[in-house]
N, C-alpha and C. Protein backbone atom coordinates (compact mmCIF):
# COMPACT_ATOMS: atom_id res chain seq x y z
N UNK A 1 -150.87 -123.03 -25.67
CA UNK A 1 -151.02 -123.51 -27.03
C UNK A 1 -151.83 -122.51 -27.87
N UNK A 2 -152.94 -122.04 -27.34
CA UNK A 2 -153.80 -121.11 -28.08
C UNK A 2 -153.09 -119.78 -28.29
N UNK A 3 -152.41 -119.30 -27.26
CA UNK A 3 -151.72 -118.01 -27.39
C UNK A 3 -150.57 -118.11 -28.39
N UNK A 4 -149.90 -119.26 -28.46
CA UNK A 4 -148.83 -119.44 -29.44
C UNK A 4 -149.40 -119.44 -30.86
N UNK A 5 -150.52 -120.14 -31.06
CA UNK A 5 -151.17 -120.14 -32.38
C UNK A 5 -151.61 -118.74 -32.77
N UNK A 6 -152.15 -117.99 -31.81
CA UNK A 6 -152.57 -116.62 -32.08
C UNK A 6 -151.38 -115.75 -32.46
N UNK A 7 -150.28 -115.90 -31.73
CA UNK A 7 -149.08 -115.11 -32.02
C UNK A 7 -148.53 -115.44 -33.41
N UNK A 8 -148.50 -116.71 -33.77
CA UNK A 8 -148.00 -117.12 -35.09
C UNK A 8 -148.90 -116.57 -36.19
N UNK A 9 -150.21 -116.64 -35.98
CA UNK A 9 -151.15 -116.10 -36.97
C UNK A 9 -150.97 -114.59 -37.11
N UNK A 10 -150.82 -113.90 -36.00
CA UNK A 10 -150.62 -112.45 -36.02
C UNK A 10 -149.30 -112.09 -36.71
N UNK A 11 -148.26 -112.80 -36.42
CA UNK A 11 -146.96 -112.55 -37.04
C UNK A 11 -147.01 -112.82 -38.55
N UNK A 12 -147.64 -113.91 -38.95
CA UNK A 12 -147.77 -114.23 -40.37
C UNK A 12 -148.57 -113.15 -41.10
N UNK A 13 -149.63 -112.70 -40.49
CA UNK A 13 -150.45 -111.65 -41.10
C UNK A 13 -149.67 -110.35 -41.24
N UNK A 14 -148.89 -110.00 -40.23
CA UNK A 14 -148.09 -108.77 -40.29
C UNK A 14 -147.04 -108.87 -41.39
N UNK A 15 -146.39 -110.02 -41.50
CA UNK A 15 -145.39 -110.20 -42.56
C UNK A 15 -146.05 -110.11 -43.94
N UNK A 16 -147.20 -110.76 -44.10
CA UNK A 16 -147.92 -110.69 -45.38
C UNK A 16 -148.30 -109.25 -45.71
N UNK A 17 -148.80 -108.53 -44.72
CA UNK A 17 -149.21 -107.14 -44.94
C UNK A 17 -148.03 -106.28 -45.39
N UNK A 18 -146.92 -106.42 -44.72
CA UNK A 18 -145.75 -105.62 -45.06
C UNK A 18 -145.21 -105.98 -46.45
N UNK A 19 -145.14 -107.27 -46.72
CA UNK A 19 -144.57 -107.67 -48.01
C UNK A 19 -145.48 -107.28 -49.17
N UNK A 20 -146.79 -107.52 -49.05
CA UNK A 20 -147.69 -107.17 -50.14
C UNK A 20 -147.83 -105.65 -50.28
N UNK A 21 -147.72 -104.92 -49.18
CA UNK A 21 -147.74 -103.46 -49.27
C UNK A 21 -146.53 -102.95 -50.03
N UNK A 22 -145.37 -103.54 -49.76
CA UNK A 22 -144.16 -103.16 -50.48
C UNK A 22 -144.27 -103.45 -51.96
N UNK A 23 -144.83 -104.60 -52.31
CA UNK A 23 -145.00 -104.97 -53.71
C UNK A 23 -145.96 -104.00 -54.40
N UNK A 24 -147.10 -103.73 -53.76
CA UNK A 24 -148.08 -102.82 -54.35
C UNK A 24 -147.51 -101.42 -54.50
N UNK A 25 -146.78 -100.96 -53.48
CA UNK A 25 -146.19 -99.62 -53.55
C UNK A 25 -145.17 -99.52 -54.69
N UNK A 26 -144.42 -100.58 -54.89
CA UNK A 26 -143.41 -100.54 -55.96
C UNK A 26 -144.06 -100.57 -57.34
N UNK A 27 -145.24 -101.16 -57.46
CA UNK A 27 -145.92 -101.23 -58.75
C UNK A 27 -146.73 -99.98 -59.03
N UNK A 28 -147.54 -99.56 -58.01
CA UNK A 28 -148.47 -98.45 -58.25
C UNK A 28 -148.66 -97.69 -56.94
N UNK A 29 -147.81 -96.70 -56.64
CA UNK A 29 -147.86 -96.00 -55.34
C UNK A 29 -149.19 -95.29 -55.06
N UNK A 30 -149.82 -94.72 -56.10
CA UNK A 30 -151.09 -94.00 -55.88
C UNK A 30 -152.17 -94.96 -55.38
N UNK A 31 -152.23 -96.16 -55.94
CA UNK A 31 -153.22 -97.14 -55.51
C UNK A 31 -152.96 -97.57 -54.07
N UNK A 32 -151.70 -97.66 -53.69
CA UNK A 32 -151.36 -98.00 -52.31
C UNK A 32 -151.94 -96.98 -51.34
N UNK A 33 -151.81 -95.69 -51.66
CA UNK A 33 -152.34 -94.65 -50.78
C UNK A 33 -153.86 -94.65 -50.75
N UNK A 34 -154.48 -94.90 -51.88
CA UNK A 34 -155.95 -94.96 -51.92
C UNK A 34 -156.45 -96.11 -51.07
N UNK A 35 -155.81 -97.25 -51.18
CA UNK A 35 -156.22 -98.42 -50.39
C UNK A 35 -155.99 -98.15 -48.90
N UNK A 36 -154.91 -97.50 -48.57
CA UNK A 36 -154.61 -97.17 -47.17
C UNK A 36 -155.68 -96.25 -46.58
N UNK A 37 -156.08 -95.22 -47.34
CA UNK A 37 -157.13 -94.30 -46.89
C UNK A 37 -158.46 -95.03 -46.77
N UNK A 38 -158.77 -95.87 -47.75
CA UNK A 38 -160.03 -96.62 -47.75
C UNK A 38 -160.11 -97.56 -46.53
N UNK A 39 -159.03 -98.27 -46.26
CA UNK A 39 -159.01 -99.19 -45.12
C UNK A 39 -159.11 -98.43 -43.80
N UNK A 40 -158.45 -97.29 -43.71
CA UNK A 40 -158.51 -96.49 -42.48
C UNK A 40 -159.92 -95.96 -42.25
N UNK A 41 -160.54 -95.47 -43.32
CA UNK A 41 -161.92 -94.98 -43.21
C UNK A 41 -162.87 -96.09 -42.78
N UNK A 42 -162.74 -97.26 -43.37
CA UNK A 42 -163.59 -98.39 -43.01
C UNK A 42 -163.41 -98.83 -41.57
N UNK A 43 -162.16 -98.83 -41.13
CA UNK A 43 -161.87 -99.22 -39.75
C UNK A 43 -162.46 -98.22 -38.75
N UNK A 44 -162.26 -96.93 -39.00
CA UNK A 44 -162.79 -95.90 -38.10
C UNK A 44 -164.31 -95.90 -38.08
N UNK A 45 -164.93 -96.07 -39.24
CA UNK A 45 -166.39 -96.11 -39.32
C UNK A 45 -166.95 -97.31 -38.55
N UNK A 46 -166.33 -98.46 -38.73
CA UNK A 46 -166.78 -99.66 -38.02
C UNK A 46 -166.62 -99.49 -36.51
N UNK A 47 -165.52 -98.92 -36.07
CA UNK A 47 -165.30 -98.72 -34.63
C UNK A 47 -166.33 -97.74 -34.06
N UNK A 48 -166.63 -96.68 -34.80
CA UNK A 48 -167.60 -95.69 -34.32
C UNK A 48 -169.01 -96.29 -34.23
N UNK A 49 -169.41 -97.03 -35.26
CA UNK A 49 -170.72 -97.67 -35.22
C UNK A 49 -170.78 -98.76 -34.15
N UNK A 50 -169.67 -99.43 -33.93
CA UNK A 50 -169.62 -100.49 -32.93
C UNK A 50 -169.80 -99.97 -31.52
N UNK A 51 -169.36 -98.75 -31.25
CA UNK A 51 -169.53 -98.18 -29.91
C UNK A 51 -171.00 -98.01 -29.58
N UNK A 52 -171.79 -97.58 -30.55
CA UNK A 52 -173.22 -97.42 -30.30
C UNK A 52 -173.88 -98.78 -30.10
N UNK A 53 -173.43 -99.79 -30.80
CA UNK A 53 -174.03 -101.11 -30.69
C UNK A 53 -173.74 -101.77 -29.34
N UNK A 54 -172.63 -101.43 -28.73
CA UNK A 54 -172.30 -102.00 -27.42
C UNK A 54 -173.35 -101.60 -26.39
N UNK A 55 -173.71 -100.32 -26.37
CA UNK A 55 -174.74 -99.86 -25.43
C UNK A 55 -176.10 -100.46 -25.73
N UNK A 56 -176.43 -100.56 -27.00
CA UNK A 56 -177.73 -101.15 -27.37
C UNK A 56 -177.78 -102.63 -27.00
N UNK A 57 -176.68 -103.35 -27.17
CA UNK A 57 -176.63 -104.76 -26.81
C UNK A 57 -176.79 -104.93 -25.31
N UNK A 58 -176.13 -104.09 -24.53
CA UNK A 58 -176.25 -104.18 -23.07
C UNK A 58 -177.68 -103.91 -22.62
N UNK A 59 -178.33 -102.92 -23.22
CA UNK A 59 -179.72 -102.62 -22.87
C UNK A 59 -180.64 -103.78 -23.24
N UNK A 60 -180.40 -104.39 -24.39
CA UNK A 60 -181.21 -105.53 -24.81
C UNK A 60 -181.03 -106.71 -23.86
N UNK A 61 -179.80 -106.98 -23.47
CA UNK A 61 -179.55 -108.07 -22.52
C UNK A 61 -180.22 -107.81 -21.18
N UNK A 62 -180.22 -106.57 -20.73
CA UNK A 62 -180.88 -106.22 -19.48
C UNK A 62 -182.39 -106.45 -19.56
N UNK A 63 -182.99 -106.03 -20.68
CA UNK A 63 -184.43 -106.25 -20.85
C UNK A 63 -184.77 -107.74 -20.89
N UNK A 64 -183.95 -108.52 -21.58
CA UNK A 64 -184.19 -109.97 -21.65
C UNK A 64 -184.04 -110.62 -20.27
N UNK A 65 -183.05 -110.18 -19.50
CA UNK A 65 -182.85 -110.73 -18.16
C UNK A 65 -184.03 -110.39 -17.26
N UNK A 66 -184.53 -109.16 -17.36
CA UNK A 66 -185.70 -108.77 -16.56
C UNK A 66 -186.92 -109.61 -16.93
N UNK A 67 -187.10 -109.87 -18.21
CA UNK A 67 -188.23 -110.69 -18.65
C UNK A 67 -188.09 -112.11 -18.12
N UNK A 68 -186.90 -112.69 -18.22
CA UNK A 68 -186.70 -114.05 -17.70
C UNK A 68 -186.96 -114.10 -16.20
N UNK A 69 -186.50 -113.10 -15.47
CA UNK A 69 -186.73 -113.05 -14.03
C UNK A 69 -188.22 -113.01 -13.73
N UNK A 70 -188.94 -112.17 -14.47
CA UNK A 70 -190.39 -112.05 -14.25
C UNK A 70 -191.10 -113.36 -14.57
N UNK A 71 -190.70 -114.02 -15.64
CA UNK A 71 -191.36 -115.27 -16.01
C UNK A 71 -191.08 -116.38 -15.00
N UNK A 72 -189.85 -116.46 -14.49
CA UNK A 72 -189.55 -117.47 -13.47
C UNK A 72 -190.32 -117.17 -12.19
N UNK A 73 -190.34 -115.91 -11.81
CA UNK A 73 -191.09 -115.51 -10.61
C UNK A 73 -192.58 -115.83 -10.77
N UNK A 74 -193.10 -115.58 -11.95
CA UNK A 74 -194.50 -115.86 -12.23
C UNK A 74 -194.78 -117.36 -12.18
N UNK A 75 -193.87 -118.16 -12.74
CA UNK A 75 -194.07 -119.60 -12.71
C UNK A 75 -194.02 -120.13 -11.28
N UNK A 76 -193.10 -119.65 -10.49
CA UNK A 76 -192.97 -120.13 -9.10
C UNK A 76 -194.17 -119.73 -8.26
N UNK A 77 -194.78 -118.60 -8.56
CA UNK A 77 -195.88 -118.08 -7.73
C UNK A 77 -197.23 -118.22 -8.41
N UNK A 78 -197.35 -119.04 -9.42
CA UNK A 78 -198.58 -119.11 -10.21
C UNK A 78 -199.79 -119.50 -9.36
N UNK A 79 -199.61 -120.45 -8.47
CA UNK A 79 -200.74 -120.90 -7.66
C UNK A 79 -201.23 -119.80 -6.73
N UNK A 80 -200.31 -119.10 -6.07
CA UNK A 80 -200.69 -118.02 -5.17
C UNK A 80 -201.33 -116.87 -5.93
N UNK A 81 -200.80 -116.56 -7.10
CA UNK A 81 -201.36 -115.47 -7.90
C UNK A 81 -202.79 -115.80 -8.29
N UNK A 82 -203.02 -117.03 -8.71
CA UNK A 82 -204.37 -117.44 -9.10
C UNK A 82 -205.31 -117.46 -7.90
N UNK A 83 -204.82 -117.93 -6.75
CA UNK A 83 -205.67 -118.02 -5.57
C UNK A 83 -206.10 -116.64 -5.09
N UNK A 84 -205.21 -115.68 -5.10
CA UNK A 84 -205.53 -114.33 -4.63
C UNK A 84 -205.99 -113.41 -5.75
N UNK A 85 -206.19 -113.94 -6.94
CA UNK A 85 -206.64 -113.19 -8.11
C UNK A 85 -205.75 -111.96 -8.37
N UNK A 86 -204.48 -112.24 -8.43
CA UNK A 86 -203.52 -111.16 -8.64
C UNK A 86 -203.00 -111.08 -10.07
N UNK A 87 -203.80 -111.59 -11.00
CA UNK A 87 -203.34 -111.62 -12.40
C UNK A 87 -203.07 -110.22 -12.94
N UNK A 88 -203.95 -109.28 -12.67
CA UNK A 88 -203.79 -107.93 -13.21
C UNK A 88 -202.54 -107.26 -12.61
N UNK A 89 -202.33 -107.44 -11.32
CA UNK A 89 -201.16 -106.85 -10.67
C UNK A 89 -199.88 -107.46 -11.25
N UNK A 90 -199.84 -108.76 -11.46
CA UNK A 90 -198.64 -109.39 -12.03
C UNK A 90 -198.46 -109.00 -13.49
N UNK A 91 -199.57 -108.84 -14.22
CA UNK A 91 -199.45 -108.39 -15.60
C UNK A 91 -198.85 -106.99 -15.66
N UNK A 92 -199.29 -106.13 -14.76
CA UNK A 92 -198.72 -104.78 -14.72
C UNK A 92 -197.23 -104.82 -14.34
N UNK A 93 -196.87 -105.72 -13.44
CA UNK A 93 -195.47 -105.86 -13.02
C UNK A 93 -194.61 -106.34 -14.18
N UNK A 94 -195.09 -107.33 -14.92
CA UNK A 94 -194.33 -107.84 -16.07
C UNK A 94 -194.25 -106.78 -17.16
N UNK A 95 -195.34 -106.06 -17.39
CA UNK A 95 -195.35 -105.04 -18.44
C UNK A 95 -194.44 -103.88 -18.11
N UNK A 96 -194.28 -103.58 -16.85
CA UNK A 96 -193.43 -102.45 -16.46
C UNK A 96 -191.95 -102.75 -16.65
N UNK A 97 -191.60 -104.01 -16.70
CA UNK A 97 -190.19 -104.39 -16.89
C UNK A 97 -189.92 -104.35 -18.34
């Protein structure tokens, strides 16, 4: 069901794009080319910037996962840490992540 809806939406969009491009080209061809260049530039710029964001997002998720792991480990071992006075060692461990 979802794939059929997606296909219909994609097909409708392609038909609209082709028909409106033909209308614009028949009215004002120079504007059609300017819009085509503008859209291509925007698409390429967005894709290039998006590649850098993928790596940054992965690094951020890794840091957040390490913090959650450290906090859960700290909560589970809180009594032992307090008993053996290991607060400084655990603080250094959490800070290093």
